[in-house]
Amino acid sequence: MTDTPPDHLSIDPSSPHFDQAALQRGVGIRFKGAERRDVEEYSISEGWIRVALGKKVDRHGRPLTIKLTGPVEAWFERGGESDAAEGEAE
Protein backbone atom coordinates (compact mmCIF):
# COMPACT_ATOMS: atom_id res chain seq x y z
CA MET A 1 0.00 0.00 0.00
CA THR A 2 1.27 3.48 -0.81
CA ASP A 3 1.53 6.45 1.54
CA THR A 4 -1.09 8.34 -0.50
CA PRO A 5 -4.75 7.78 0.41
CA PRO A 6 -7.18 6.82 -2.37
CA ASP A 7 -8.57 9.63 -4.52
CA HIS A 8 -12.15 8.53 -3.75
CA LEU A 9 -13.08 6.75 -0.51
CA SER A 10 -16.34 5.87 1.25
CA ILE A 11 -17.07 4.41 4.70
CA ASP A 12 -20.20 2.62 3.38
CA PRO A 13 -19.41 -1.10 2.82
CA SER A 14 -21.93 -1.31 -0.06
CA SER A 15 -20.11 1.44 -2.01
CA PRO A 16 -17.68 0.54 -4.81
CA HIS A 17 -15.27 3.09 -3.27
CA PHE A 18 -15.08 1.27 0.11
CA ASP A 19 -11.53 0.21 1.08
CA GLN A 20 -11.21 -1.56 4.43
CA ALA A 21 -7.39 -1.48 4.46
CA ALA A 22 -7.28 2.30 3.98
CA LEU A 23 -9.95 2.89 6.63
CA GLN A 24 -8.06 0.75 9.17
CA ARG A 25 -5.00 2.98 8.74
CA GLY A 26 -7.18 6.02 9.39
CA VAL A 27 -7.62 8.79 6.85
CA GLY A 28 -7.50 12.42 7.93
CA ILE A 29 -9.48 14.96 5.87
CA ARG A 30 -8.93 18.69 5.62
CA PHE A 31 -11.76 20.53 3.82
CA LYS A 32 -11.42 24.24 3.06
CA GLY A 33 -8.53 24.44 5.52
CA ALA A 34 -10.41 22.87 8.47
CA GLU A 35 -9.91 19.31 9.68
CA ARG A 36 -13.14 17.29 9.50
CA ARG A 37 -13.98 14.12 11.44
CA ASP A 38 -17.55 13.66 10.12
CA VAL A 39 -16.81 12.80 6.47
CA GLU A 40 -18.77 9.84 5.03
CA GLU A 41 -17.20 9.97 1.55
CA TYR A 42 -14.75 12.17 -0.33
CA SER A 43 -13.22 12.75 -3.76
CA ILE A 44 -9.99 14.72 -3.98
CA SER A 45 -9.91 15.09 -7.78
CA GLU A 46 -13.54 16.24 -7.99
CA GLY A 47 -13.23 18.47 -4.90
CA TRP A 48 -16.12 17.36 -2.68
CA ILE A 49 -17.00 15.59 0.55
CA ARG A 50 -20.24 14.06 1.85
CA VAL A 51 -21.19 14.59 5.49
CA ALA A 52 -24.15 13.32 7.50
CA LEU A 53 -27.11 15.68 7.75
CA GLY A 54 -27.68 15.58 11.50
CA LYS A 55 -29.33 12.42 12.82
CA LYS A 56 -31.68 12.05 9.85
CA VAL A 57 -31.78 8.65 8.13
CA ASP A 58 -33.34 7.34 4.93
CA ARG A 59 -35.89 4.54 4.77
CA HIS A 60 -33.07 1.96 4.84
CA GLY A 61 -31.55 3.36 8.03
CA ARG A 62 -28.52 4.96 6.35
CA PRO A 63 -27.70 8.56 7.28
CA LEU A 64 -28.81 11.30 4.91
CA THR A 65 -25.80 13.15 3.54
CA ILE A 66 -25.08 16.50 1.96
CA LYS A 67 -22.40 17.11 -0.66
CA LEU A 68 -20.06 20.04 0.02
CA THR A 69 -17.66 21.30 -2.66
CA GLY A 70 -14.24 22.82 -2.13
CA PRO A 71 -10.56 21.90 -1.83
CA VAL A 72 -10.01 18.51 -0.17
CA GLU A 73 -6.75 17.18 1.33
CA ALA A 74 -6.33 13.65 2.67
CA TRP A 75 -3.56 11.83 4.56
CA PHE A 76 -3.06 8.59 6.45
CA GLU A 77 -3.10 9.00 10.22
CA ARG A 78 -1.14 5.78 10.86
CA GLY A 79 1.74 4.20 8.99
CA GLY A 80 1.57 1.28 6.57
CA GLU A 81 2.45 -2.38 6.95
CA SER A 82 6.13 -1.73 7.74
CA ASP A 83 5.18 0.49 10.70
CA ALA A 84 2.66 -2.11 11.91
CA ALA A 85 5.29 -4.87 11.78
CA GLU A 86 7.70 -2.74 13.86
CA GLY A 87 4.97 -2.12 16.45
CA GLU A 88 4.24 -5.86 16.78
CA ALA A 89 7.94 -6.69 17.24
CA GLU A 90 8.21 -4.51 20.36
C-alpha atoms as a PDB file:
ATOM      1  CA  MET A   1       0.000   0.000   0.000  1.00  0.00           C
ATOM      2  CA  THR A   2       1.267   3.480  -0.811  1.00  0.00           C
ATOM      3  CA  ASP A   3       1.529   6.450   1.537  1.00  0.00           C
ATOM      4  CA  THR A   4      -1.085   8.336  -0.496  1.00  0.00           C
ATOM      5  CA  PRO A   5      -4.753   7.779   0.410  1.00  0.00           C
ATOM      6  CA  PRO A   6      -7.179   6.815  -2.369  1.00  0.00           C
ATOM      7  CA  ASP A   7      -8.573   9.626  -4.518  1.00  0.00           C
ATOM      8  CA  HIS A   8     -12.149   8.529  -3.746  1.00  0.00           C
ATOM      9  CA  LEU A   9     -13.077   6.752  -0.511  1.00  0.00           C
ATOM     10  CA  SER A  10     -16.340   5.874   1.253  1.00  0.00           C
ATOM     11  CA  ILE A  11     -17.067   4.408   4.698  1.00  0.00           C
ATOM     12  CA  ASP A  12     -20.202   2.621   3.376  1.00  0.00           C
ATOM     13  CA  PRO A  13     -19.408  -1.104   2.821  1.00  0.00           C
ATOM     14  CA  SER A  14     -21.926  -1.309  -0.056  1.00  0.00           C
ATOM     15  CA  SER A  15     -20.112   1.436  -2.007  1.00  0.00           C
ATOM     16  CA  PRO A  16     -17.678   0.537  -4.814  1.00  0.00           C
ATOM     17  CA  HIS A  17     -15.266   3.090  -3.265  1.00  0.00           C
ATOM     18  CA  PHE A  18     -15.083   1.273   0.106  1.00  0.00           C
ATOM     19  CA  ASP A  19     -11.529   0.214   1.078  1.00  0.00           C
ATOM     20  CA  GLN A  20     -11.212  -1.558   4.429  1.00  0.00           C
ATOM     21  CA  ALA A  21      -7.389  -1.475   4.457  1.00  0.00           C
ATOM     22  CA  ALA A  22      -7.284   2.301   3.977  1.00  0.00           C
ATOM     23  CA  LEU A  23      -9.950   2.885   6.625  1.00  0.00           C
ATOM     24  CA  GLN A  24      -8.064   0.751   9.173  1.00  0.00           C
ATOM     25  CA  ARG A  25      -5.004   2.983   8.742  1.00  0.00           C
ATOM     26  CA  GLY A  26      -7.185   6.017   9.390  1.00  0.00           C
ATOM     27  CA  VAL A  27      -7.623   8.794   6.854  1.00  0.00           C
ATOM     28  CA  GLY A  28      -7.505  12.417   7.927  1.00  0.00           C
ATOM     29  CA  ILE A  29      -9.479  14.956   5.872  1.00  0.00           C
ATOM     30  CA  ARG A  30      -8.935  18.690   5.616  1.00  0.00           C
ATOM     31  CA  PHE A  31     -11.762  20.526   3.820  1.00  0.00           C
ATOM     32  CA  LYS A  32     -11.417  24.242   3.055  1.00  0.00           C
ATOM     33  CA  GLY A  33      -8.529  24.443   5.522  1.00  0.00           C
ATOM     34  CA  ALA A  34     -10.409  22.873   8.469  1.00  0.00           C
ATOM     35  CA  GLU A  35      -9.906  19.310   9.682  1.00  0.00           C
ATOM     36  CA  ARG A  36     -13.141  17.294   9.503  1.00  0.00           C
ATOM     37  CA  ARG A  37     -13.980  14.121  11.442  1.00  0.00           C
ATOM     38  CA  ASP A  38     -17.548  13.661  10.125  1.00  0.00           C
ATOM     39  CA  VAL A  39     -16.808  12.800   6.473  1.00  0.00           C
ATOM     40  CA  GLU A  40     -18.771   9.842   5.031  1.00  0.00           C
ATOM     41  CA  GLU A  41     -17.198   9.968   1.549  1.00  0.00           C
ATOM     42  CA  TYR A  42     -14.751  12.174  -0.334  1.00  0.00           C
ATOM     43  CA  SER A  43     -13.223  12.748  -3.758  1.00  0.00           C
ATOM     44  CA  ILE A  44      -9.992  14.724  -3.977  1.00  0.00           C
ATOM     45  CA  SER A  45      -9.910  15.092  -7.776  1.00  0.00           C
ATOM     46  CA  GLU A  46     -13.539  16.235  -7.992  1.00  0.00           C
ATOM     47  CA  GLY A  47     -13.226  18.466  -4.897  1.00  0.00           C
ATOM     48  CA  TRP A  48     -16.124  17.362  -2.679  1.00  0.00           C
ATOM     49  CA  ILE A  49     -17.004  15.590   0.554  1.00  0.00           C
ATOM     50  CA  ARG A  50     -20.236  14.061   1.853  1.00  0.00           C
ATOM     51  CA  VAL A  51     -21.194  14.585   5.493  1.00  0.00           C
ATOM     52  CA  ALA A  52     -24.153  13.324   7.500  1.00  0.00           C
ATOM     53  CA  LEU A  53     -27.111  15.683   7.751  1.00  0.00           C
ATOM     54  CA  GLY A  54     -27.682  15.575  11.505  1.00  0.00           C
ATOM     55  CA  LYS A  55     -29.331  12.422  12.816  1.00  0.00           C
ATOM     56  CA  LYS A  56     -31.682  12.046   9.849  1.00  0.00           C
ATOM     57  CA  VAL A  57     -31.782   8.654   8.127  1.00  0.00           C
ATOM     58  CA  ASP A  58     -33.339   7.345   4.927  1.00  0.00           C
ATOM     59  CA  ARG A  59     -35.886   4.535   4.775  1.00  0.00           C
ATOM     60  CA  HIS A  60     -33.071   1.961   4.839  1.00  0.00           C
ATOM     61  CA  GLY A  61     -31.554   3.361   8.032  1.00  0.00           C
ATOM     62  CA  ARG A  62     -28.525   4.958   6.347  1.00  0.00           C
ATOM     63  CA  PRO A  63     -27.697   8.558   7.282  1.00  0.00           C
ATOM     64  CA  LEU A  64     -28.811  11.300   4.910  1.00  0.00           C
ATOM     65  CA  THR A  65     -25.800  13.149   3.538  1.00  0.00           C
ATOM     66  CA  ILE A  66     -25.083  16.495   1.962  1.00  0.00           C
ATOM     67  CA  LYS A  67     -22.395  17.112  -0.659  1.00  0.00           C
ATOM     68  CA  LEU A  68     -20.058  20.043   0.020  1.00  0.00           C
ATOM     69  CA  THR A  69     -17.662  21.298  -2.658  1.00  0.00           C
ATOM     70  CA  GLY A  70     -14.239  22.823  -2.131  1.00  0.00           C
ATOM     71  CA  PRO A  71     -10.560  21.903  -1.825  1.00  0.00           C
ATOM     72  CA  VAL A  72     -10.005  18.507  -0.175  1.00  0.00           C
ATOM     73  CA  GLU A  73      -6.750  17.185   1.327  1.00  0.00           C
ATOM     74  CA  ALA A  74      -6.333  13.648   2.668  1.00  0.00           C
ATOM     75  CA  TRP A  75      -3.562  11.833   4.560  1.00  0.00           C
ATOM     76  CA  PHE A  76      -3.061   8.590   6.452  1.00  0.00           C
ATOM     77  CA  GLU A  77      -3.105   8.999  10.224  1.00  0.00           C
ATOM     78  CA  ARG A  78      -1.140   5.780  10.857  1.00  0.00           C
ATOM     79  CA  GLY A  79       1.740   4.197   8.991  1.00  0.00           C
ATOM     80  CA  GLY A  80       1.566   1.282   6.571  1.00  0.00           C
ATOM     81  CA  GLU A  81       2.450  -2.380   6.946  1.00  0.00           C
ATOM     82  CA  SER A  82       6.131  -1.730   7.737  1.00  0.00           C
ATOM     83  CA  ASP A  83       5.179   0.487  10.702  1.00  0.00           C
ATOM     84  CA  ALA A  84       2.656  -2.113  11.913  1.00  0.00           C
ATOM     85  CA  ALA A  85       5.295  -4.865  11.779  1.00  0.00           C
ATOM     86  CA  GLU A  86       7.695  -2.737  13.858  1.00  0.00           C
ATOM     87  CA  GLY A  87       4.970  -2.120  16.448  1.00  0.00           C
ATOM     88  CA  GLU A  88       4.244  -5.863  16.778  1.00  0.00           C
ATOM     89  CA  ALA A  89       7.939  -6.693  17.235  1.00  0.00           C
ATOM     90  CA  GLU A  90       8.214  -4.515  20.360  1.00  0.00           C
END
